[in-house]
Amino acid sequence: MKRNGFTLVELMITVAVVAILAMIAIPSYTQYIKRANRTDATKTLTLDAQALERCYSQTFSYAACPGAAAAAATSIEGQYTVTITIPDPAQPAPSFIISAVPLTPTQLADTPCALFTLNTANTQYAQTSAAAANTQICWGST
């Protein structure tokens, strides 16, 4: 007599294979999401810097630009908190620094890229949660 179906051993082997694949895939996927969300910070900082430069070309002051004196804002995709700082508007060479820090739980766990900054000279900088420089990795240069 022929019986169709699976034995308990076959079923347990299948469950074990699926569990091993999940153990590999889930952490890889989480790391991928963190890396992909970093573009939210870099894109927002770049767009804010462009807006400040356009405003400066018309008003000759970064302090007069919309958003320059505002409190922290959320990045385009909502993953980061973005802050624009105008160190001293009365300086002969006015400047700005735009910073982004993680806001969502996924990005808070992204310890290699805990802070992004961009300044007037278009100098990109990033650091880890331990305050070590990590610009090339975070800004996507490598």
N, C-alpha and C. Protein backbone atom coordinates (compact mmCIF):
# COMPACT_ATOMS: atom_id res chain seq x y z
N MET A 1 0.83 -1.16 0.00
CA MET A 1 0.00 0.00 0.00
C MET A 1 0.90 1.25 0.00
N LYS A 2 0.58 2.19 -0.90
CA LYS A 2 1.37 3.40 -1.05
C LYS A 2 0.71 4.54 -0.27
N ARG A 3 1.51 5.24 0.53
CA ARG A 3 0.99 6.36 1.32
C ARG A 3 1.60 7.65 0.82
N ASN A 4 0.77 8.67 0.67
CA ASN A 4 1.24 10.00 0.27
C ASN A 4 1.36 10.87 1.51
N GLY A 5 2.32 11.81 1.47
CA GLY A 5 2.48 12.71 2.59
C GLY A 5 3.92 12.78 3.04
N PHE A 6 4.14 13.49 4.13
CA PHE A 6 5.48 13.68 4.67
C PHE A 6 5.60 12.98 6.01
N THR A 7 6.78 12.52 6.28
CA THR A 7 7.04 11.96 7.61
C THR A 7 7.43 13.11 8.53
N LEU A 8 7.41 12.83 9.79
CA LEU A 8 7.79 13.84 10.78
C LEU A 8 9.25 14.24 10.59
N VAL A 9 10.12 13.32 10.25
CA VAL A 9 11.55 13.61 10.04
C VAL A 9 11.71 14.56 8.86
N GLU A 10 11.01 14.31 7.77
CA GLU A 10 11.10 15.19 6.60
C GLU A 10 10.62 16.60 6.94
N LEU A 11 9.56 16.69 7.67
CA LEU A 11 9.02 17.98 8.08
C LEU A 11 10.00 18.72 8.98
N MET A 12 10.62 18.04 9.92
CA MET A 12 11.58 18.67 10.82
C MET A 12 12.83 19.14 10.07
N ILE A 13 13.27 18.40 9.07
CA ILE A 13 14.41 18.82 8.25
C ILE A 13 14.07 20.10 7.50
N THR A 14 12.88 20.17 6.96
CA THR A 14 12.43 21.36 6.25
C THR A 14 12.38 22.57 7.19
N VAL A 15 11.85 22.39 8.38
CA VAL A 15 11.79 23.48 9.37
C VAL A 15 13.19 23.93 9.73
N ALA A 16 14.12 23.01 9.90
CA ALA A 16 15.50 23.36 10.24
C ALA A 16 16.16 24.16 9.12
N VAL A 17 15.94 23.76 7.88
CA VAL A 17 16.52 24.48 6.74
C VAL A 17 15.97 25.91 6.67
N VAL A 18 14.66 26.06 6.85
CA VAL A 18 14.05 27.39 6.83
C VAL A 18 14.59 28.25 7.98
N ALA A 19 14.77 27.67 9.15
CA ALA A 19 15.31 28.42 10.29
C ALA A 19 16.73 28.89 10.02
N ILE A 20 17.56 28.05 9.42
CA ILE A 20 18.94 28.43 9.10
C ILE A 20 18.95 29.56 8.07
N LEU A 21 18.11 29.46 7.06
CA LEU A 21 18.03 30.52 6.06
C LEU A 21 17.57 31.84 6.68
N ALA A 22 16.62 31.78 7.59
CA ALA A 22 16.14 32.99 8.26
C ALA A 22 17.23 33.61 9.13
N MET A 23 18.03 32.76 9.80
CA MET A 23 19.12 33.28 10.63
C MET A 23 20.15 34.03 9.80
N ILE A 24 20.32 33.66 8.56
CA ILE A 24 21.27 34.33 7.68
C ILE A 24 20.63 35.55 7.02
N ALA A 25 19.40 35.40 6.55
CA ALA A 25 18.77 36.44 5.75
C ALA A 25 18.32 37.66 6.55
N ILE A 26 17.76 37.47 7.72
CA ILE A 26 17.20 38.60 8.48
C ILE A 26 18.28 39.61 8.88
N PRO A 27 19.42 39.22 9.47
CA PRO A 27 20.44 40.22 9.78
C PRO A 27 21.00 40.91 8.53
N SER A 28 21.15 40.18 7.45
CA SER A 28 21.64 40.79 6.21
C SER A 28 20.66 41.82 5.70
N TYR A 29 19.40 41.51 5.75
CA TYR A 29 18.37 42.43 5.29
C TYR A 29 18.33 43.69 6.18
N THR A 30 18.46 43.51 7.47
CA THR A 30 18.46 44.64 8.40
C THR A 30 19.64 45.57 8.12
N GLN A 31 20.81 45.00 7.88
CA GLN A 31 21.98 45.81 7.54
C GLN A 31 21.76 46.55 6.23
N TYR A 32 21.17 45.89 5.27
CA TYR A 32 20.88 46.52 3.98
C TYR A 32 19.94 47.72 4.16
N ILE A 33 18.91 47.57 4.97
CA ILE A 33 17.96 48.66 5.23
C ILE A 33 18.67 49.84 5.87
N LYS A 34 19.53 49.59 6.83
CA LYS A 34 20.27 50.68 7.48
C LYS A 34 21.12 51.44 6.47
N ARG A 35 21.86 50.69 5.64
CA ARG A 35 22.70 51.33 4.62
C ARG A 35 21.86 52.12 3.63
N ALA A 36 20.73 51.57 3.23
CA ALA A 36 19.87 52.26 2.27
C ALA A 36 19.28 53.54 2.88
N ASN A 37 18.94 53.52 4.15
CA ASN A 37 18.36 54.69 4.80
C ASN A 37 19.37 55.81 5.00
N ARG A 38 20.66 55.52 4.94
CA ARG A 38 21.68 56.57 5.06
C ARG A 38 21.54 57.59 3.94
N THR A 39 21.04 57.17 2.79
CA THR A 39 20.86 58.12 1.69
C THR A 39 19.85 59.20 2.04
N ASP A 40 18.94 58.92 2.96
CA ASP A 40 17.99 59.94 3.42
C ASP A 40 18.75 61.09 4.05
N ALA A 41 19.75 60.79 4.87
CA ALA A 41 20.54 61.84 5.51
C ALA A 41 21.36 62.61 4.49
N THR A 42 22.09 61.89 3.65
CA THR A 42 22.97 62.57 2.69
C THR A 42 22.17 63.40 1.68
N LYS A 43 21.04 62.86 1.23
CA LYS A 43 20.21 63.59 0.27
C LYS A 43 19.63 64.85 0.92
N THR A 44 19.13 64.74 2.14
CA THR A 44 18.54 65.89 2.82
C THR A 44 19.59 66.96 3.07
N LEU A 45 20.78 66.57 3.54
CA LEU A 45 21.83 67.55 3.79
C LEU A 45 22.22 68.28 2.51
N THR A 46 22.35 67.54 1.42
CA THR A 46 22.73 68.14 0.15
C THR A 46 21.66 69.10 -0.36
N LEU A 47 20.40 68.69 -0.28
CA LEU A 47 19.31 69.57 -0.73
C LEU A 47 19.19 70.83 0.15
N ASP A 48 19.38 70.68 1.45
CA ASP A 48 19.35 71.84 2.34
C ASP A 48 20.50 72.79 2.03
N ALA A 49 21.68 72.26 1.77
CA ALA A 49 22.83 73.10 1.43
C ALA A 49 22.57 73.86 0.13
N GLN A 50 21.99 73.19 -0.85
CA GLN A 50 21.66 73.87 -2.11
C GLN A 50 20.65 74.99 -1.88
N ALA A 51 19.65 74.74 -1.06
CA ALA A 51 18.66 75.77 -0.76
C ALA A 51 19.29 76.96 -0.04
N LEU A 52 20.19 76.69 0.89
CA LEU A 52 20.88 77.78 1.59
C LEU A 52 21.74 78.59 0.63
N GLU A 53 22.42 77.93 -0.29
CA GLU A 53 23.26 78.65 -1.25
C GLU A 53 22.41 79.50 -2.21
N ARG A 54 21.26 78.97 -2.64
CA ARG A 54 20.37 79.77 -3.49
C ARG A 54 19.87 81.00 -2.75
N CYS A 55 19.50 80.82 -1.49
CA CYS A 55 19.03 81.93 -0.68
C CYS A 55 20.15 82.95 -0.45
N TYR A 56 21.34 82.45 -0.16
CA TYR A 56 22.49 83.35 0.08
C TYR A 56 22.80 84.19 -1.16
N SER A 57 22.64 83.59 -2.35
CA SER A 57 22.93 84.33 -3.57
C SER A 57 21.95 85.49 -3.78
N GLN A 58 20.81 85.45 -3.11
CA GLN A 58 19.82 86.52 -3.24
C GLN A 58 19.85 87.50 -2.07
N THR A 59 20.16 87.00 -0.87
CA THR A 59 20.09 87.85 0.32
C THR A 59 21.45 88.17 0.94
N PHE A 60 22.50 87.47 0.51
CA PHE A 60 23.86 87.63 1.04
C PHE A 60 23.94 87.36 2.54
N SER A 61 23.06 86.48 3.00
CA SER A 61 23.05 86.09 4.40
C SER A 61 22.40 84.71 4.52
N TYR A 62 23.06 83.81 5.25
CA TYR A 62 22.45 82.51 5.51
C TYR A 62 21.36 82.62 6.57
N ALA A 63 21.52 83.59 7.48
CA ALA A 63 20.57 83.74 8.58
C ALA A 63 19.18 84.14 8.08
N ALA A 64 19.12 84.80 6.91
CA ALA A 64 17.84 85.24 6.37
C ALA A 64 17.11 84.14 5.61
N CYS A 65 17.73 83.00 5.46
CA CYS A 65 17.15 81.91 4.68
C CYS A 65 16.07 81.17 5.47
N PRO A 66 15.01 80.74 4.79
CA PRO A 66 13.97 79.95 5.48
C PRO A 66 14.56 78.65 6.03
N GLY A 67 14.23 78.35 7.25
CA GLY A 67 14.71 77.12 7.86
C GLY A 67 16.03 77.27 8.60
N ALA A 68 16.77 78.36 8.35
CA ALA A 68 18.07 78.53 8.99
C ALA A 68 17.93 78.79 10.48
N ALA A 69 16.90 79.51 10.87
CA ALA A 69 16.71 79.82 12.28
C ALA A 69 15.70 78.88 12.94
N ALA A 70 15.15 77.98 12.16
CA ALA A 70 14.12 77.08 12.69
C ALA A 70 14.73 76.00 13.58
N ALA A 71 13.87 75.39 14.33
CA ALA A 71 14.31 74.26 15.16
C ALA A 71 14.61 73.07 14.26
N ALA A 72 15.03 72.01 14.85
CA ALA A 72 15.36 70.80 14.10
C ALA A 72 14.16 70.33 13.29
N ALA A 73 14.44 69.87 12.08
CA ALA A 73 13.40 69.37 11.19
C ALA A 73 13.64 67.89 10.91
N THR A 74 12.67 67.25 10.32
CA THR A 74 12.80 65.84 9.95
C THR A 74 13.30 65.75 8.52
N SER A 75 14.12 64.74 8.25
CA SER A 75 14.64 64.54 6.90
C SER A 75 13.51 64.17 5.94
N ILE A 76 13.82 64.11 4.67
CA ILE A 76 12.82 63.87 3.63
C ILE A 76 12.01 62.60 3.88
N GLU A 77 12.68 61.52 4.21
CA GLU A 77 11.99 60.25 4.44
C GLU A 77 11.69 59.99 5.91
N GLY A 78 12.01 60.94 6.78
CA GLY A 78 11.67 60.82 8.19
C GLY A 78 12.59 59.94 9.02
N GLN A 79 13.76 59.60 8.51
CA GLN A 79 14.68 58.73 9.24
C GLN A 79 15.64 59.50 10.16
N TYR A 80 15.82 60.80 9.93
CA TYR A 80 16.82 61.60 10.64
C TYR A 80 16.23 62.93 11.09
N THR A 81 16.85 63.51 12.13
CA THR A 81 16.55 64.86 12.56
C THR A 81 17.66 65.75 12.01
N VAL A 82 17.28 66.79 11.30
CA VAL A 82 18.24 67.67 10.62
C VAL A 82 18.24 69.04 11.30
N THR A 83 19.45 69.55 11.57
CA THR A 83 19.61 70.84 12.21
C THR A 83 20.54 71.71 11.37
N ILE A 84 20.15 72.94 11.13
CA ILE A 84 20.99 73.90 10.41
C ILE A 84 21.52 74.89 11.44
N THR A 85 22.84 75.07 11.46
CA THR A 85 23.47 75.98 12.40
C THR A 85 24.22 77.06 11.63
N ILE A 86 23.95 78.31 11.96
CA ILE A 86 24.68 79.45 11.40
C ILE A 86 25.57 79.97 12.53
N PRO A 87 26.89 79.64 12.52
CA PRO A 87 27.75 79.98 13.65
C PRO A 87 27.74 81.45 14.04
N ASP A 88 28.01 82.36 13.11
CA ASP A 88 28.00 83.80 13.41
C ASP A 88 27.67 84.54 12.13
N PRO A 89 26.42 84.98 11.99
CA PRO A 89 26.03 85.64 10.74
C PRO A 89 26.81 86.91 10.45
N ALA A 90 27.43 87.52 11.46
CA ALA A 90 28.17 88.77 11.26
C ALA A 90 29.60 88.55 10.79
N GLN A 91 30.04 87.32 10.66
CA GLN A 91 31.40 87.04 10.19
C GLN A 91 31.60 87.60 8.79
N PRO A 92 32.86 87.95 8.47
CA PRO A 92 33.13 88.40 7.10
C PRO A 92 32.82 87.30 6.07
N ALA A 93 33.06 86.08 6.44
CA ALA A 93 32.74 84.95 5.57
C ALA A 93 31.70 84.09 6.27
N PRO A 94 30.42 84.38 6.06
CA PRO A 94 29.38 83.62 6.74
C PRO A 94 29.43 82.14 6.36
N SER A 95 28.95 81.33 7.26
CA SER A 95 29.00 79.89 7.02
C SER A 95 27.80 79.20 7.64
N PHE A 96 27.67 77.91 7.32
CA PHE A 96 26.62 77.10 7.92
C PHE A 96 27.16 75.69 8.13
N ILE A 97 26.51 74.98 9.03
CA ILE A 97 26.78 73.56 9.27
C ILE A 97 25.41 72.89 9.37
N ILE A 98 25.21 71.86 8.56
CA ILE A 98 23.96 71.11 8.60
C ILE A 98 24.29 69.73 9.17
N SER A 99 23.54 69.31 10.18
CA SER A 99 23.78 68.02 10.84
C SER A 99 22.53 67.15 10.77
N ALA A 100 22.76 65.84 10.71
CA ALA A 100 21.65 64.88 10.73
C ALA A 100 22.00 63.78 11.73
N VAL A 101 21.07 63.51 12.63
CA VAL A 101 21.22 62.42 13.59
C VAL A 101 20.02 61.47 13.44
N PRO A 102 20.22 60.19 13.69
CA PRO A 102 19.14 59.22 13.51
C PRO A 102 17.92 59.53 14.38
N LEU A 103 16.75 59.22 13.83
CA LEU A 103 15.50 59.47 14.52
C LEU A 103 14.72 58.17 14.76
N THR A 104 14.70 57.28 13.78
CA THR A 104 13.91 56.05 13.89
C THR A 104 14.72 54.94 14.57
N PRO A 105 14.05 53.97 15.16
CA PRO A 105 14.77 52.89 15.85
C PRO A 105 15.75 52.13 14.94
N THR A 106 15.37 51.94 13.68
CA THR A 106 16.27 51.24 12.76
C THR A 106 17.57 52.00 12.60
N GLN A 107 17.48 53.30 12.40
CA GLN A 107 18.69 54.09 12.19
C GLN A 107 19.43 54.37 13.50
N LEU A 108 18.75 54.37 14.62
CA LEU A 108 19.44 54.51 15.91
C LEU A 108 20.38 53.33 16.15
N ALA A 109 20.03 52.18 15.58
CA ALA A 109 20.88 50.99 15.71
C ALA A 109 22.03 50.98 14.70
N ASP A 110 22.07 51.98 13.83
CA ASP A 110 23.13 52.08 12.82
C ASP A 110 24.34 52.79 13.45
N THR A 111 25.04 52.12 14.33
CA THR A 111 26.15 52.74 15.08
C THR A 111 27.33 53.17 14.21
N PRO A 112 27.60 52.56 13.05
CA PRO A 112 28.70 53.07 12.24
C PRO A 112 28.45 54.47 11.68
N CYS A 113 27.20 54.89 11.60
CA CYS A 113 26.87 56.21 11.03
C CYS A 113 25.87 56.92 11.95
N ALA A 114 26.38 57.45 13.05
CA ALA A 114 25.51 58.08 14.04
C ALA A 114 25.34 59.58 13.84
N LEU A 115 26.18 60.20 13.00
CA LEU A 115 26.08 61.64 12.76
C LEU A 115 26.60 61.95 11.37
N PHE A 116 25.84 62.76 10.65
CA PHE A 116 26.26 63.25 9.33
C PHE A 116 26.32 64.77 9.41
N THR A 117 27.34 65.39 8.78
CA THR A 117 27.38 66.84 8.69
C THR A 117 27.85 67.27 7.30
N LEU A 118 27.45 68.47 6.94
CA LEU A 118 27.85 69.10 5.68
C LEU A 118 27.98 70.58 5.98
N ASN A 119 29.06 71.21 5.49
CA ASN A 119 29.24 72.62 5.80
C ASN A 119 29.29 73.48 4.53
N THR A 120 29.55 74.76 4.70
CA THR A 120 29.57 75.72 3.61
C THR A 120 30.55 75.33 2.52
N ALA A 121 31.68 74.79 2.89
CA ALA A 121 32.70 74.40 1.92
C ALA A 121 32.39 73.05 1.26
N ASN A 122 31.19 72.52 1.50
CA ASN A 122 30.76 71.22 0.99
C ASN A 122 31.63 70.08 1.52
N THR A 123 32.13 70.24 2.73
CA THR A 123 32.91 69.20 3.38
C THR A 123 31.94 68.23 4.04
N GLN A 124 32.00 67.00 3.60
CA GLN A 124 31.15 65.94 4.14
C GLN A 124 31.89 65.28 5.30
N TYR A 125 31.14 65.00 6.37
CA TYR A 125 31.73 64.35 7.54
C TYR A 125 30.68 63.43 8.16
N ALA A 126 31.14 62.32 8.68
CA ALA A 126 30.27 61.41 9.42
C ALA A 126 31.08 60.76 10.53
N GLN A 127 30.39 60.37 11.58
CA GLN A 127 31.08 59.69 12.67
C GLN A 127 30.23 58.59 13.24
N THR A 128 30.91 57.67 13.92
CA THR A 128 30.26 56.54 14.56
C THR A 128 29.65 56.97 15.88
N SER A 129 28.95 56.07 16.53
CA SER A 129 28.38 56.40 17.84
C SER A 129 29.46 56.56 18.90
N ALA A 130 30.68 56.08 18.60
CA ALA A 130 31.81 56.26 19.51
C ALA A 130 32.63 57.50 19.15
N ALA A 131 32.08 58.36 18.29
CA ALA A 131 32.69 59.62 17.86
C ALA A 131 33.95 59.45 17.01
N ALA A 132 34.09 58.33 16.35
CA ALA A 132 35.21 58.11 15.43
C ALA A 132 34.77 58.49 14.02
N ALA A 133 35.66 59.10 13.26
CA ALA A 133 35.34 59.49 11.88
C ALA A 133 35.04 58.26 11.03
N ASN A 134 34.02 58.38 10.20
CA ASN A 134 33.62 57.27 9.34
C ASN A 134 32.98 57.82 8.05
N THR A 135 33.57 58.88 7.52
CA THR A 135 32.97 59.61 6.41
C THR A 135 32.86 58.79 5.15
N GLN A 136 33.89 58.07 4.78
CA GLN A 136 33.85 57.34 3.51
C GLN A 136 32.74 56.28 3.49
N ILE A 137 32.58 55.56 4.57
CA ILE A 137 31.55 54.52 4.64
C ILE A 137 30.15 55.15 4.62
N CYS A 138 29.93 56.16 5.47
CA CYS A 138 28.60 56.72 5.65
C CYS A 138 28.11 57.53 4.45
N TRP A 139 29.00 58.25 3.82
CA TRP A 139 28.59 59.08 2.68
C TRP A 139 28.61 58.28 1.38
N GLY A 140 28.95 57.01 1.45
CA GLY A 140 28.87 56.15 0.28
C GLY A 140 30.04 56.22 -0.68
N SER A 141 31.19 56.65 -0.17
CA SER A 141 32.38 56.74 -1.04
C SER A 141 33.00 55.38 -1.30
N THR A 142 32.71 54.41 -0.43
CA THR A 142 33.27 53.07 -0.63
C THR A 142 32.18 52.05 -0.70
